[in-house]
Amino acid sequence: MKYILQMPSYTYGQKAAKLLRSAGHQCELKRREGDCGYDLHLYGSSEALGLLDKNGIPYSLKGKEGAS
């Protein structure tokens, strides 16, 4: 499953990516095309979203792709 998270800032995107990678989750921070801002592409389970919530990192779920 791939989740696309809209991050409120580059700094929060970096913090989220560092936290998720340290917990063993694969992710990639990408600049949004045609818009200012950054999206975090998260590959794996929804458990990673709980990790962001638990650590107070804000995000908006922009979309998800793949089988659940």
N, C-alpha and C. Protein backbone atom coordinates (compact mmCIF):
# COMPACT_ATOMS: atom_id res chain seq x y z
N MET A 1 0.85 -1.17 0.00
CA MET A 1 0.00 0.00 0.00
C MET A 1 0.89 1.24 0.00
N LYS A 2 0.49 2.22 -0.76
CA LYS A 2 1.21 3.49 -0.81
C LYS A 2 0.27 4.59 -0.34
N TYR A 3 0.71 5.35 0.65
CA TYR A 3 -0.05 6.47 1.17
C TYR A 3 0.65 7.76 0.74
N ILE A 4 -0.12 8.75 0.35
CA ILE A 4 0.43 10.06 0.01
C ILE A 4 -0.08 11.03 1.06
N LEU A 5 0.86 11.60 1.81
CA LEU A 5 0.53 12.50 2.89
C LEU A 5 0.93 13.92 2.53
N GLN A 6 0.02 14.83 2.63
CA GLN A 6 0.31 16.23 2.37
C GLN A 6 0.87 16.82 3.66
N MET A 7 2.09 17.33 3.60
CA MET A 7 2.75 17.86 4.78
C MET A 7 2.56 19.38 4.84
N PRO A 8 2.37 19.94 6.05
CA PRO A 8 2.13 21.37 6.16
C PRO A 8 3.39 22.21 5.91
N SER A 9 4.56 21.59 5.98
CA SER A 9 5.81 22.31 5.72
C SER A 9 6.91 21.31 5.39
N TYR A 10 7.99 21.83 4.82
CA TYR A 10 9.15 20.98 4.51
C TYR A 10 9.74 20.42 5.81
N THR A 11 9.77 21.24 6.84
CA THR A 11 10.35 20.82 8.12
C THR A 11 9.58 19.64 8.70
N TYR A 12 8.25 19.71 8.70
CA TYR A 12 7.46 18.57 9.19
C TYR A 12 7.65 17.35 8.29
N GLY A 13 7.82 17.57 7.01
CA GLY A 13 8.09 16.46 6.10
C GLY A 13 9.40 15.77 6.45
N GLN A 14 10.43 16.56 6.74
CA GLN A 14 11.72 15.99 7.13
C GLN A 14 11.61 15.23 8.44
N LYS A 15 10.93 15.82 9.42
CA LYS A 15 10.76 15.15 10.71
C LYS A 15 10.02 13.84 10.56
N ALA A 16 8.96 13.85 9.76
CA ALA A 16 8.17 12.64 9.54
C ALA A 16 9.01 11.56 8.86
N ALA A 17 9.74 11.94 7.82
CA ALA A 17 10.57 10.98 7.10
C ALA A 17 11.64 10.37 8.02
N LYS A 18 12.27 11.20 8.82
CA LYS A 18 13.32 10.71 9.74
C LYS A 18 12.73 9.73 10.75
N LEU A 19 11.57 10.09 11.33
CA LEU A 19 10.91 9.22 12.30
C LEU A 19 10.51 7.88 11.68
N LEU A 20 9.89 7.95 10.51
CA LEU A 20 9.42 6.73 9.86
C LEU A 20 10.57 5.82 9.44
N ARG A 21 11.62 6.41 8.89
CA ARG A 21 12.79 5.61 8.48
C ARG A 21 13.45 4.95 9.68
N SER A 22 13.52 5.67 10.80
CA SER A 22 14.14 5.10 12.00
C SER A 22 13.32 3.92 12.54
N ALA A 23 12.03 3.91 12.22
CA ALA A 23 11.15 2.81 12.64
C ALA A 23 11.07 1.71 11.57
N GLY A 24 11.84 1.85 10.49
CA GLY A 24 11.89 0.82 9.47
C GLY A 24 10.88 0.95 8.34
N HIS A 25 10.24 2.10 8.23
CA HIS A 25 9.27 2.32 7.16
C HIS A 25 9.94 3.01 5.97
N GLN A 26 9.57 2.59 4.78
CA GLN A 26 10.11 3.19 3.56
C GLN A 26 9.25 4.38 3.18
N CYS A 27 9.90 5.54 2.94
CA CYS A 27 9.16 6.73 2.56
C CYS A 27 10.05 7.66 1.75
N GLU A 28 9.42 8.61 1.11
CA GLU A 28 10.12 9.54 0.24
C GLU A 28 9.40 10.89 0.28
N LEU A 29 10.15 11.96 0.54
CA LEU A 29 9.59 13.31 0.57
C LEU A 29 9.77 13.92 -0.82
N LYS A 30 8.65 14.36 -1.41
CA LYS A 30 8.70 14.91 -2.77
C LYS A 30 8.02 16.27 -2.81
N ARG A 31 8.58 17.17 -3.60
CA ARG A 31 7.95 18.48 -3.82
C ARG A 31 6.70 18.27 -4.68
N ARG A 32 5.63 18.92 -4.29
CA ARG A 32 4.38 18.82 -5.03
C ARG A 32 4.52 19.47 -6.39
N GLU A 33 4.07 18.81 -7.44
CA GLU A 33 4.15 19.35 -8.79
C GLU A 33 3.08 20.41 -9.00
N GLY A 34 3.47 21.53 -9.58
CA GLY A 34 2.53 22.60 -9.89
C GLY A 34 1.95 23.30 -8.68
N ASP A 35 2.56 23.12 -7.53
CA ASP A 35 2.06 23.70 -6.29
C ASP A 35 3.24 23.85 -5.34
N CYS A 36 3.15 24.78 -4.44
CA CYS A 36 4.21 24.83 -3.44
C CYS A 36 3.82 23.89 -2.31
N GLY A 37 4.77 23.22 -1.77
CA GLY A 37 4.51 22.29 -0.69
C GLY A 37 5.14 20.94 -0.96
N TYR A 38 5.02 20.06 0.02
CA TYR A 38 5.66 18.76 -0.04
C TYR A 38 4.70 17.65 0.33
N ASP A 39 4.85 16.51 -0.33
CA ASP A 39 4.10 15.30 -0.02
C ASP A 39 5.06 14.23 0.43
N LEU A 40 4.64 13.46 1.40
CA LEU A 40 5.43 12.33 1.86
C LEU A 40 4.78 11.07 1.29
N HIS A 41 5.53 10.32 0.50
CA HIS A 41 5.05 9.06 -0.07
C HIS A 41 5.51 7.95 0.87
N LEU A 42 4.56 7.27 1.46
CA LEU A 42 4.83 6.24 2.45
C LEU A 42 4.45 4.88 1.87
N TYR A 43 5.38 3.96 1.89
CA TYR A 43 5.17 2.63 1.33
C TYR A 43 5.08 1.64 2.49
N GLY A 44 3.93 0.99 2.65
CA GLY A 44 3.79 0.02 3.72
C GLY A 44 2.43 0.06 4.36
N SER A 45 2.41 -0.21 5.66
CA SER A 45 1.15 -0.34 6.37
C SER A 45 0.70 0.97 7.01
N SER A 46 -0.55 0.98 7.41
CA SER A 46 -1.12 2.17 8.03
C SER A 46 -0.61 2.37 9.46
N GLU A 47 0.14 1.41 9.99
CA GLU A 47 0.72 1.56 11.33
C GLU A 47 1.61 2.79 11.39
N ALA A 48 2.24 3.12 10.27
CA ALA A 48 3.12 4.28 10.23
C ALA A 48 2.35 5.57 10.47
N LEU A 49 1.09 5.63 10.05
CA LEU A 49 0.27 6.82 10.27
C LEU A 49 0.04 7.02 11.77
N GLY A 50 -0.15 5.94 12.48
CA GLY A 50 -0.31 6.00 13.93
C GLY A 50 0.94 6.52 14.61
N LEU A 51 2.08 6.18 14.07
CA LEU A 51 3.35 6.66 14.60
C LEU A 51 3.46 8.17 14.47
N LEU A 52 3.02 8.70 13.33
CA LEU A 52 3.02 10.15 13.14
C LEU A 52 2.05 10.81 14.12
N ASP A 53 0.87 10.23 14.27
CA ASP A 53 -0.13 10.78 15.20
C ASP A 53 0.41 10.78 16.64
N LYS A 54 1.01 9.67 17.01
CA LYS A 54 1.54 9.52 18.38
C LYS A 54 2.62 10.56 18.67
N ASN A 55 3.37 10.94 17.66
CA ASN A 55 4.46 11.88 17.84
C ASN A 55 4.09 13.32 17.50
N GLY A 56 2.82 13.57 17.27
CA GLY A 56 2.33 14.93 17.06
C GLY A 56 2.78 15.58 15.77
N ILE A 57 3.01 14.78 14.73
CA ILE A 57 3.42 15.34 13.43
C ILE A 57 2.17 15.49 12.57
N PRO A 58 1.82 16.73 12.22
CA PRO A 58 0.60 16.95 11.43
C PRO A 58 0.76 16.57 9.96
N TYR A 59 -0.33 16.08 9.38
CA TYR A 59 -0.36 15.72 7.97
C TYR A 59 -1.82 15.62 7.53
N SER A 60 -2.04 15.64 6.24
CA SER A 60 -3.36 15.37 5.67
C SER A 60 -3.21 14.20 4.71
N LEU A 61 -4.08 13.22 4.83
CA LEU A 61 -4.04 12.07 3.92
C LEU A 61 -4.58 12.52 2.56
N LYS A 62 -3.70 12.57 1.60
CA LYS A 62 -4.06 13.05 0.26
C LYS A 62 -4.61 11.91 -0.60
N GLY A 63 -4.11 10.71 -0.37
CA GLY A 63 -4.58 9.57 -1.15
C GLY A 63 -3.84 8.30 -0.78
N LYS A 64 -4.36 7.18 -1.29
CA LYS A 64 -3.68 5.90 -1.11
C LYS A 64 -3.88 5.07 -2.36
N GLU A 65 -2.88 4.24 -2.63
CA GLU A 65 -2.90 3.40 -3.83
C GLU A 65 -2.53 1.98 -3.45
N GLY A 66 -3.04 1.03 -4.19
CA GLY A 66 -2.67 -0.36 -3.99
C GLY A 66 -3.65 -1.12 -3.14
N ALA A 67 -3.38 -2.42 -2.99
CA ALA A 67 -4.24 -3.30 -2.22
C ALA A 67 -4.09 -3.01 -0.75
N SER A 68 -5.16 -3.23 0.00
CA SER A 68 -5.12 -2.98 1.44
C SER A 68 -4.74 -4.21 2.22
